[in-house]
Every structure is written in structure tokens, then in C-alpha cells.
Protein backbone atom coordinates (compact mmCIF):
# COMPACT_ATOMS: atom_id res chain seq x y z
CA MET A 1 150.85 116.22 43.25
CA ARG A 2 148.66 113.73 41.79
CA ALA A 3 149.68 111.04 44.16
CA ALA A 4 148.52 113.63 47.37
CA ARG A 5 145.18 114.77 46.01
CA ARG A 6 145.00 110.75 45.63
CA ALA A 7 145.52 110.10 49.22
CA ARG A 8 143.27 113.03 50.23
CA ILE A 9 140.30 111.43 47.93
CA VAL A 10 140.68 107.64 49.55
CA GLY A 11 141.13 109.32 52.99
CA ASP A 12 141.75 106.21 55.34
CA ILE A 13 140.63 103.50 52.88
CA ASP A 14 142.83 100.81 51.83
CA LEU A 15 142.03 100.21 48.21
CA ARG A 16 144.35 96.75 48.55
CA ARG A 17 141.99 95.35 50.53
CA GLY A 18 139.34 93.90 48.02
CA ARG A 19 138.72 94.41 44.70
CA CYS A 20 137.65 97.84 43.10
CA LEU A 21 135.60 99.68 40.42
CA GLU A 22 136.21 103.47 39.67
CA ILE A 23 133.50 105.17 37.31
CA GLY A 24 134.78 107.17 34.81
CA PRO A 25 138.40 107.82 35.42
CA LEU A 26 138.96 109.17 32.07
CA ALA A 27 142.53 110.35 31.40
CA ASN A 28 142.99 110.71 35.14
CA PRO A 29 142.51 107.30 36.95
CA VAL A 30 142.57 107.87 40.89
CA VAL A 31 143.40 103.39 41.83
CA ASP A 32 145.90 102.19 39.78
CA PRO A 33 146.34 98.94 38.60
CA ASP A 34 149.53 98.48 40.14
CA VAL A 35 148.25 99.20 43.51
CA ALA A 36 145.04 97.62 43.47
CA ASP A 37 142.98 95.34 41.64
CA VAL A 38 140.98 97.40 39.99
CA ARG A 39 138.02 97.95 36.98
CA TYR A 40 136.96 100.81 34.98
CA VAL A 41 133.54 101.65 33.57
CA ASP A 42 132.42 104.50 32.06
CA VAL A 43 129.61 105.75 29.35
CA VAL A 44 131.60 104.67 26.03
CA ASP A 45 134.27 102.81 25.29
CA ARG A 46 137.93 104.01 24.64
CA ALA A 47 136.79 104.74 20.93
CA GLY A 48 134.06 106.63 21.84
CA LEU A 49 136.60 108.84 24.75
CA LEU A 50 138.63 109.75 22.21
CA ALA A 51 136.30 110.64 19.53
CA HIS A 52 134.59 113.08 22.35
CA TYR A 53 137.38 114.70 24.13
CA ASP A 54 139.76 114.93 20.46
CA GLY A 55 141.05 118.25 20.46
CA ASN A 56 140.47 119.39 24.32
CA PRO A 57 143.71 120.04 26.08
CA ALA A 58 142.95 119.49 29.42
CA VAL A 59 142.47 115.56 28.47
CA ASP A 60 145.94 113.80 27.32
CA PRO A 61 144.27 110.79 25.01
CA GLU A 62 147.50 108.54 25.63
CA ALA A 63 146.31 108.14 29.51
CA ILE A 64 142.85 107.05 28.73
CA PRO A 65 142.58 103.54 29.83
CA GLU A 66 140.43 100.65 28.20
CA PRO A 67 137.08 101.02 29.81
CA HIS A 68 136.42 97.11 31.32
CA PHE A 69 132.73 98.23 30.95
CA TRP A 70 130.70 100.74 29.40
CA LEU A 71 127.12 102.00 29.40
CA THR A 72 126.17 102.65 26.50
CA ARG A 73 124.65 100.05 24.19
CA PRO A 74 124.75 99.12 20.59
CA ASP A 75 121.52 100.65 19.81
CA GLY A 76 122.55 103.47 21.62
CA THR A 77 120.05 103.05 24.69
CA VAL A 78 122.00 103.32 28.05
CA SER A 79 122.11 101.06 30.94
CA THR A 80 122.51 101.31 34.58
CA LEU A 81 125.78 101.15 36.67
CA ALA A 82 124.79 97.51 38.07
CA GLU A 83 123.27 96.09 34.95
CA ALA A 84 126.73 97.07 32.97
CA VAL A 85 128.80 96.01 35.91
CA ALA A 86 126.94 92.67 37.02
CA ALA A 87 128.77 89.76 35.65
CA ASP A 88 132.02 90.94 37.64
CA ALA A 89 130.65 92.43 40.99
CA PRO A 90 130.76 92.57 43.67
CA TYR A 91 133.36 95.23 44.83
CA GLN A 92 134.72 96.12 48.47
CA HIS A 93 135.23 99.81 47.07
CA VAL A 94 133.85 101.95 44.30
CA VAL A 95 135.60 105.26 43.70
CA ALA A 96 133.95 108.00 41.16
CA SER A 97 136.37 110.94 40.78
CA HIS A 98 134.01 114.19 39.37
CA VAL A 99 131.05 111.83 38.66
CA ILE A 100 128.14 112.08 41.41
CA GLU A 101 127.58 115.82 40.12
CA HIS A 102 127.23 114.39 36.38
CA VAL A 103 124.61 111.12 37.16
CA PRO A 104 121.28 112.08 35.62
CA ASP A 105 119.20 109.93 38.32
CA MET A 106 121.50 110.32 41.85
CA VAL A 107 119.37 108.39 43.81
CA GLY A 108 119.27 105.65 41.26
CA TRP A 109 123.11 105.46 40.77
CA LEU A 110 123.91 105.38 44.40
CA ARG A 111 121.31 102.34 44.63
CA ASP A 112 123.12 100.83 41.80
CA VAL A 113 126.21 101.46 43.62
CA ALA A 114 124.92 99.84 46.69
CA GLN A 115 123.83 97.19 44.87
CA VAL A 116 127.28 96.20 43.22
CA LEU A 117 129.31 96.72 46.48
CA THR A 118 130.02 94.03 48.81
CA GLY A 119 127.78 93.86 52.14
CA ASP A 120 130.04 96.46 54.05
CA GLY A 121 131.53 98.44 51.13
CA ALA A 122 132.01 102.04 50.36
CA LEU A 123 132.16 104.38 47.70
CA VAL A 124 134.90 107.30 47.54
CA LEU A 125 133.38 110.37 46.06
CA ALA A 126 135.34 113.73 44.98
CA VAL A 127 133.47 116.62 44.16
CA PRO A 128 133.71 119.71 42.49
CA ASP A 129 132.33 122.61 44.72
CA ARG A 130 130.12 124.49 42.61
CA ARG A 131 131.49 128.04 44.39
CA TYR A 132 134.77 127.33 42.69
CA CYS A 133 134.19 126.69 39.06
CA PHE A 134 131.96 127.24 36.42
CA ASP A 135 128.61 126.50 38.50
CA VAL A 136 128.93 129.55 40.79
CA HIS A 137 126.09 131.27 39.22
CA ARG A 138 123.79 128.25 39.86
CA THR A 139 121.42 127.07 42.65
CA PRO A 140 122.44 124.42 44.88
CA ALA A 141 120.93 121.30 43.99
CA THR A 142 117.59 120.24 45.80
CA VAL A 143 116.27 116.97 47.19
CA GLY A 144 112.90 117.85 45.18
CA GLN A 145 115.05 117.88 41.79
CA VAL A 146 116.83 114.91 42.77
CA LEU A 147 113.82 112.91 43.45
CA GLN A 148 112.17 114.21 40.58
CA ALA A 149 114.37 113.05 38.01
CA HIS A 150 114.58 109.28 39.88
CA LEU A 151 110.51 109.16 39.66
CA ASP A 152 111.32 110.31 36.05
CA GLY A 153 113.41 107.89 35.42
CA ASP A 154 116.14 109.61 33.76
CA ARG A 155 118.80 107.57 32.34
CA THR A 156 120.30 110.94 30.43
CA PRO A 157 120.06 114.65 31.70
CA SER A 158 117.49 116.34 31.79
CA VAL A 159 116.21 119.21 29.62
CA ARG A 160 116.34 121.30 32.87
CA ALA A 161 119.82 120.10 33.72
CA VAL A 162 121.06 120.75 30.13
CA LEU A 163 119.52 124.27 30.21
CA ASP A 164 120.98 125.17 33.73
CA HIS A 165 124.26 123.83 32.77
CA PHE A 166 124.59 125.56 29.65
CA MET A 167 122.60 129.01 30.37
CA LYS A 168 124.84 129.59 33.73
CA ALA A 169 128.37 128.23 33.07
CA VAL A 170 130.68 130.76 33.35
CA ASP A 171 134.85 131.01 32.74
CA TYR A 172 135.83 130.76 36.37
CA SER A 173 139.09 129.20 38.06
CA ALA A 174 139.13 128.03 41.33
CA GLU A 175 142.24 130.55 41.53
CA GLN A 176 140.08 133.13 40.60
CA ALA A 177 137.58 132.55 43.26
CA TRP A 178 140.05 132.55 46.14
CA ALA A 179 141.52 135.85 45.09
CA GLY A 180 138.28 137.32 45.49
CA GLU A 181 137.56 137.82 41.97
CA GLN A 182 134.04 138.25 40.98
CA PRO A 183 132.51 135.59 38.40
CA PRO A 184 132.19 137.02 35.01
CA THR A 185 128.33 138.13 33.98
CA GLN A 186 128.62 136.64 30.88
CA GLY A 187 128.09 132.88 30.18
CA SER A 188 130.65 130.91 28.19
CA HIS A 189 128.24 129.50 25.87
CA PRO A 190 126.18 131.67 23.41
CA ILE A 191 122.62 130.88 23.31
CA ASP A 192 122.84 129.25 19.78
CA ASP A 193 124.77 126.42 21.28
CA VAL A 194 122.34 126.32 24.37
CA ARG A 195 119.63 125.83 21.93
CA ARG A 196 122.05 123.32 20.29
CA HIS A 197 122.49 120.84 23.36
CA VAL A 198 118.42 121.16 24.37
CA ALA A 199 118.12 120.25 20.45
CA ARG A 200 119.95 117.02 21.09
CA GLN A 201 118.74 116.01 24.10
CA GLN A 202 115.39 116.29 23.22
CA ALA A 203 116.91 113.64 20.00
CA GLY A 204 118.00 111.65 22.72
CA ASP A 205 121.44 111.86 22.91
CA TYR A 206 123.48 111.75 26.37
CA VAL A 207 124.26 115.20 26.40
CA ASP A 208 126.93 115.49 29.38
CA CYS A 209 126.51 118.36 31.98
CA HIS A 210 126.62 118.78 35.50
CA VAL A 211 123.31 117.87 36.55
CA TRP A 212 123.56 118.63 40.67
CA PRO A 213 125.78 121.39 41.65
CA LEU A 214 126.73 121.11 45.08
CA THR A 215 128.75 122.00 48.46
CA PRO A 216 130.53 120.11 51.36
CA ARG A 217 127.27 121.33 53.39
CA GLY A 218 124.67 121.03 50.97
CA PHE A 219 125.93 117.63 50.23
CA ALA A 220 125.41 116.80 53.93
CA ASP A 221 121.83 118.48 53.73
CA LEU A 222 121.29 115.84 50.56
CA MET A 223 122.10 113.13 51.94
CA ASP A 224 120.41 113.61 55.48
CA ASP A 225 116.92 114.43 53.69
CA LEU A 226 117.34 111.36 51.07
CA LEU A 227 118.48 109.23 54.56
CA ALA A 228 115.13 110.74 56.26
CA LEU A 229 112.74 109.57 53.21
CA GLY A 230 114.54 105.99 52.97
CA GLU A 231 116.16 106.67 49.78
CA VAL A 232 119.64 106.01 50.42
CA ASP A 233 121.71 103.02 51.54
CA PHE A 234 124.94 104.58 52.78
CA ALA A 235 125.87 106.10 55.73
CA VAL A 236 128.41 109.17 55.32
CA GLU A 237 131.52 107.85 56.88
CA ARG A 238 134.05 111.22 56.39
CA LEU A 239 133.27 114.56 54.30
CA THR A 240 135.69 117.13 54.17
CA ALA A 241 135.65 120.77 53.94
CA THR A 242 137.04 122.15 50.28
CA ARG A 243 140.70 123.03 51.06
CA VAL A 244 141.99 126.38 50.20
CA GLY A 245 142.83 127.10 46.80
CA GLU A 246 141.14 124.28 45.91
CA GLN A 247 137.74 123.37 44.22
CA GLU A 248 136.57 119.71 45.12
CA PHE A 249 135.91 118.34 48.34
CA TYR A 250 135.80 114.25 49.36
CA ALA A 251 133.21 112.05 50.76
CA THR A 252 133.10 108.27 51.84
CA LEU A 253 129.76 107.08 51.60
CA ARG A 254 129.51 103.58 53.74
CA ARG A 255 126.41 100.90 53.28
CA LEU A 256 124.31 100.79 55.97
CA ASP A 257 124.10 97.72 57.85
CA ARG A 258 121.32 95.74 56.65
CA THR A 259 121.56 93.16 59.53
CA ARG A 260 120.20 95.97 61.65
CA GLU A 261 116.89 97.63 62.26
CA PRO A 262 116.89 100.10 59.09
CA SER A 263 115.07 102.88 61.23
CA VAL A 264 117.95 102.42 63.75
CA ALA A 265 120.88 102.44 61.30
CA ILE A 266 119.49 105.32 59.85
CA GLU A 267 119.02 107.46 62.89
CA GLU A 268 122.28 106.86 63.47
CA ALA A 269 123.81 107.75 60.50
CA ARG A 270 121.60 111.14 60.62
CA VAL A 271 123.63 111.89 64.02
CA ALA A 272 126.46 111.13 62.67
CA LEU A 273 126.28 113.26 59.68
CA ALA A 274 124.85 116.37 62.05
CA ARG A 275 127.97 115.81 63.82
CA MET A 276 130.28 116.18 60.19
CA ARG A 277 128.15 119.11 59.62
CA SER A 278 128.27 121.22 62.24
CA ASP A 279 132.21 120.91 61.87
CA LEU A 280 132.22 122.13 58.32
CA PRO A 281 133.09 125.51 57.49
CA ASP A 282 129.93 128.08 56.98
CA GLU A 283 129.62 128.79 53.66
CA SER A 284 127.39 132.29 53.75
CA PRO A 285 129.43 135.27 52.92
CA ALA A 286 132.50 136.02 54.46
CA PRO A 287 131.54 137.95 58.20
CA ARG A 288 132.95 141.69 58.56
CA ASP A 289 135.79 142.25 61.04
CA GLY A 290 136.06 144.64 63.92
CA ASP A 291 136.79 148.01 61.49
CA GLY A 292 133.81 147.16 59.42
CA GLY A 293 135.88 145.66 56.67
CA LEU A 294 135.43 142.27 54.79
CA VAL A 295 137.53 139.32 55.96
CA PRO A 296 138.89 137.57 53.04
CA GLY A 297 137.19 134.78 52.40
CA HIS A 298 139.69 132.54 51.80
CA VAL A 299 141.27 133.56 55.15
CA VAL A 300 137.83 132.86 56.84
CA ALA A 301 137.74 129.58 54.85
CA ASP A 302 141.43 128.58 56.19
CA LEU A 303 140.71 129.09 59.56
CA GLU A 304 137.54 127.21 59.66
CA GLN A 305 139.55 124.40 58.03
CA GLN A 306 142.14 124.00 60.13
CA LEU A 307 139.79 123.96 63.42
CA ALA A 308 137.53 121.27 61.30
CA GLU A 309 140.75 119.26 60.73
CA THR A 310 141.75 119.61 64.40
CA ARG A 311 138.28 118.24 65.84
CA GLU A 312 139.07 115.50 63.18
CA ARG A 313 141.96 114.67 64.75
CA LEU A 314 140.88 114.83 68.25
CA THR A 315 138.30 113.07 67.33
CA ARG A 316 140.71 110.43 66.33
CA VAL A 317 143.29 110.47 69.89
CA ARG A 318 140.01 110.05 71.61
CA ALA A 319 138.57 107.13 69.83
CA ALA A 320 142.03 105.53 70.63
CA ARG A 321 142.47 106.36 73.93
CA ASP A 322 138.91 105.03 74.70
CA ARG A 323 139.77 101.84 72.67
CA ALA A 324 143.01 101.32 75.21
CA ARG A 325 141.13 102.32 77.81
CA ARG A 326 138.58 99.48 77.06
CA GLN A 327 141.35 96.97 77.11
CA ARG A 328 142.94 97.81 80.19
CA ASP A 329 139.92 97.38 81.52
CA ARG A 330 139.54 93.97 80.20
CA GLY A 331 142.73 93.20 81.30
CA ARG A 332 142.18 93.70 85.35
CA ALA A 333 139.04 92.37 84.85
CA GLU A 334 140.68 89.16 83.49
CA ALA A 335 143.43 89.60 86.29
CA VAL A 336 140.80 89.67 88.96
CA THR A 337 138.68 87.00 87.94
CA VAL A 338 142.32 84.71 87.45
CA GLY A 339 143.72 85.88 90.59
CA SER A 340 140.36 84.24 92.39
CA THR A 341 141.39 80.73 91.24
CA GLY A 342 144.88 81.29 92.86
CA ASP A 343 147.25 80.35 90.07
CA PRO A 344 150.36 82.75 90.72
CA GLY A 345 151.73 82.04 87.10
CA VAL A 346 149.07 83.47 84.98
CA VAL A 347 148.15 86.00 87.71
CA ALA A 348 152.17 87.02 86.59
CA ARG A 349 151.63 86.76 82.80
CA LEU A 350 148.38 89.24 83.10
CA GLY A 351 150.41 91.80 85.80
CA ARG A 352 153.39 91.94 82.86
CA ARG A 353 150.44 92.82 80.36
CA LEU A 354 149.25 95.26 82.47
CA GLY A 355 152.37 96.60 82.98
CA ARG A 356 152.95 96.97 79.78
CA GLY A 357 149.83 98.71 78.99
CA ARG A 358 150.38 101.44 81.31
CA GLY A 359 153.90 101.80 79.83
CA ARG A 360 152.29 102.74 76.24
């Protein structure tokens, strides 16, 4: 199960090529040191993580690796990601599972990631879908909120983020959501706990929470807005739907080619992103069937996901076909050019090459 999930997170990325940085692995790293040359970075060191998650049944303390770098300085202030790993960068891949929704300043964080990546490096993300977790009652993150956090220079989650998280969180699982159960209306945090967390935030503590509730389409919209505004250095290379029965989606972001005219690279990235978004399942309430009843949401999502996966496979097949055609056409052009020289040996060799290409 864990291996299958890791494969879905990584997609087509070969982590063995180049060095990796994994952000916030906690007790379930995506990248194994036996598989790739990886470094880990977290908010605090292992001792701090053990203290924070002491007694949490969802976290196995023995499985928490020692981070190579951490963001919290000895004086309690928080450095940026780029500052924390500067001496060890750059990396070919940065992996972040259930991290981007926590970062106080998404724009600054994405710029930090771009700064520590190689020129053609990739950021691999696993992101919780707000519809299938405790964020179900929260409204999606907006570009205005994201840019406000960046302009405010947030290094810790803001009062807005802390309040939205602790006021709206409910006990709601992916299993309940996909079974069609309605989420509870009663929040999971008593109001006294909410006040305590806000007081901690006001005192300067880092109060961890979901700052940015997201869905696949919401993430696509957000990235499109940030690209249009020139605020991010990434193109979205892959964006999946949330699989039926699960509560996360996956994305791969590739650094924009800085050797090209920025406006051209951004426009191409937005066009590609628009195609990906159109292939994602509809996130509006489930439509009604011909008898006037509601079609179960998981049935609609399952069919739409199968359609999206089929389209993705078709795109890969077409790309392979086009590459084969270009190779064949180049071979024919070479045959015509060399044939005019009258060298029968070269012509015969090219003829055999073309014959093999047709056989494939």
C-alpha cells in the first residue's frame, strides 16, 4: 500500500537521477535513502518533532528520521527554506507530501523551492483534498489570500489561518465522505481551544494548521492566477484527480525555462494547465439522473476519473506515435539525401533501418 502511494505521488519522475530534498517527511518519508540521494528538512529537529507528536497515535516515533536541516533557529525565529538548505543546494527534485497546505506564505515558499532546484528541477506534491478531510466546511484558498500572506511576509500561520482552521475543522474522514455521509456540523475544537491557539499565535508561536484548503481544480485555478500575475516560477507538468476512496491529489511542478522569454514560457504553461484542468472531474454537486434522483457522488467521480486517465494514456500514446513518425521522416530524408550520392552501401543500411522502423 505504501509503495503504491509513493509511486502515485512521484508519477513519472525518476528520483534516482540527481539529488533530492524531501520537506516534512515526519514518520512517513516518500523518498527512501536506499532508493535516492535524499536530504530531509522540517520545522524543527527530531527531538522537537518527538515532543510535538508525543502521544499522537497516528505518528510512529520510531519512524521519524533525523532531519538534515530545520527551519527553526536557536533563538526561536523561523528561517526560509532557501536559507535552511542553502549550503547543500541545488537539488534535482523536491518532494513535499501534505506540506504546501501548511506553509504560511505559499508564494514565498514556491520561490524558495525554485531557488534550491536545478534549472530544470521538479517539485513533486501530494495535497489533501479539502472535500474529503476535516477542511470540508472551509472555503477554498483564494489568490487574494495567498498574495496577502506574501505581502505581509508571513513566516508563521496568520491569525486568519489559525482561526479558519480551528473554528471550522470537523471529524470527517475520506471513507465517510465517499460513502455519502454528511459531515458533522459540530467543530472538533472547543472554543476555549480556539482562543488558546490564537493567543499562542499572537505570542509569536508557530501554530501549525492548514493555511490553504485546496482541491485539484482549485489548485489549478490558483496556479493559473499566480502564473498570470508573474508570481511563480513553475509550470504545472502533472495534476491528478483525487482517486475514489482517497483524500489527496498529486501534482508535479517544473521550473520555467529561464532561457526563454518569460511571457512566452508563462503563456505556454497556462495553455497546458488549461488542458489539464479541463480533464479533471467536475467538483460541483453530483448531477441528477434521469429518474430525478441523485447519482452517488463517488460513482460520478469514478467514471470521470476513468475518463481522465484514459485521456492521459491517449495523450502519451499520441506523443509516442508522433515521435516515431518524426524519426521515420528523418530517416527517409536521410535516405533521399544519401541516395543522391550514389553510395549503394549507405542506401542499403538506411533501407534496413527504415524497414525495422516499420516493423515496430
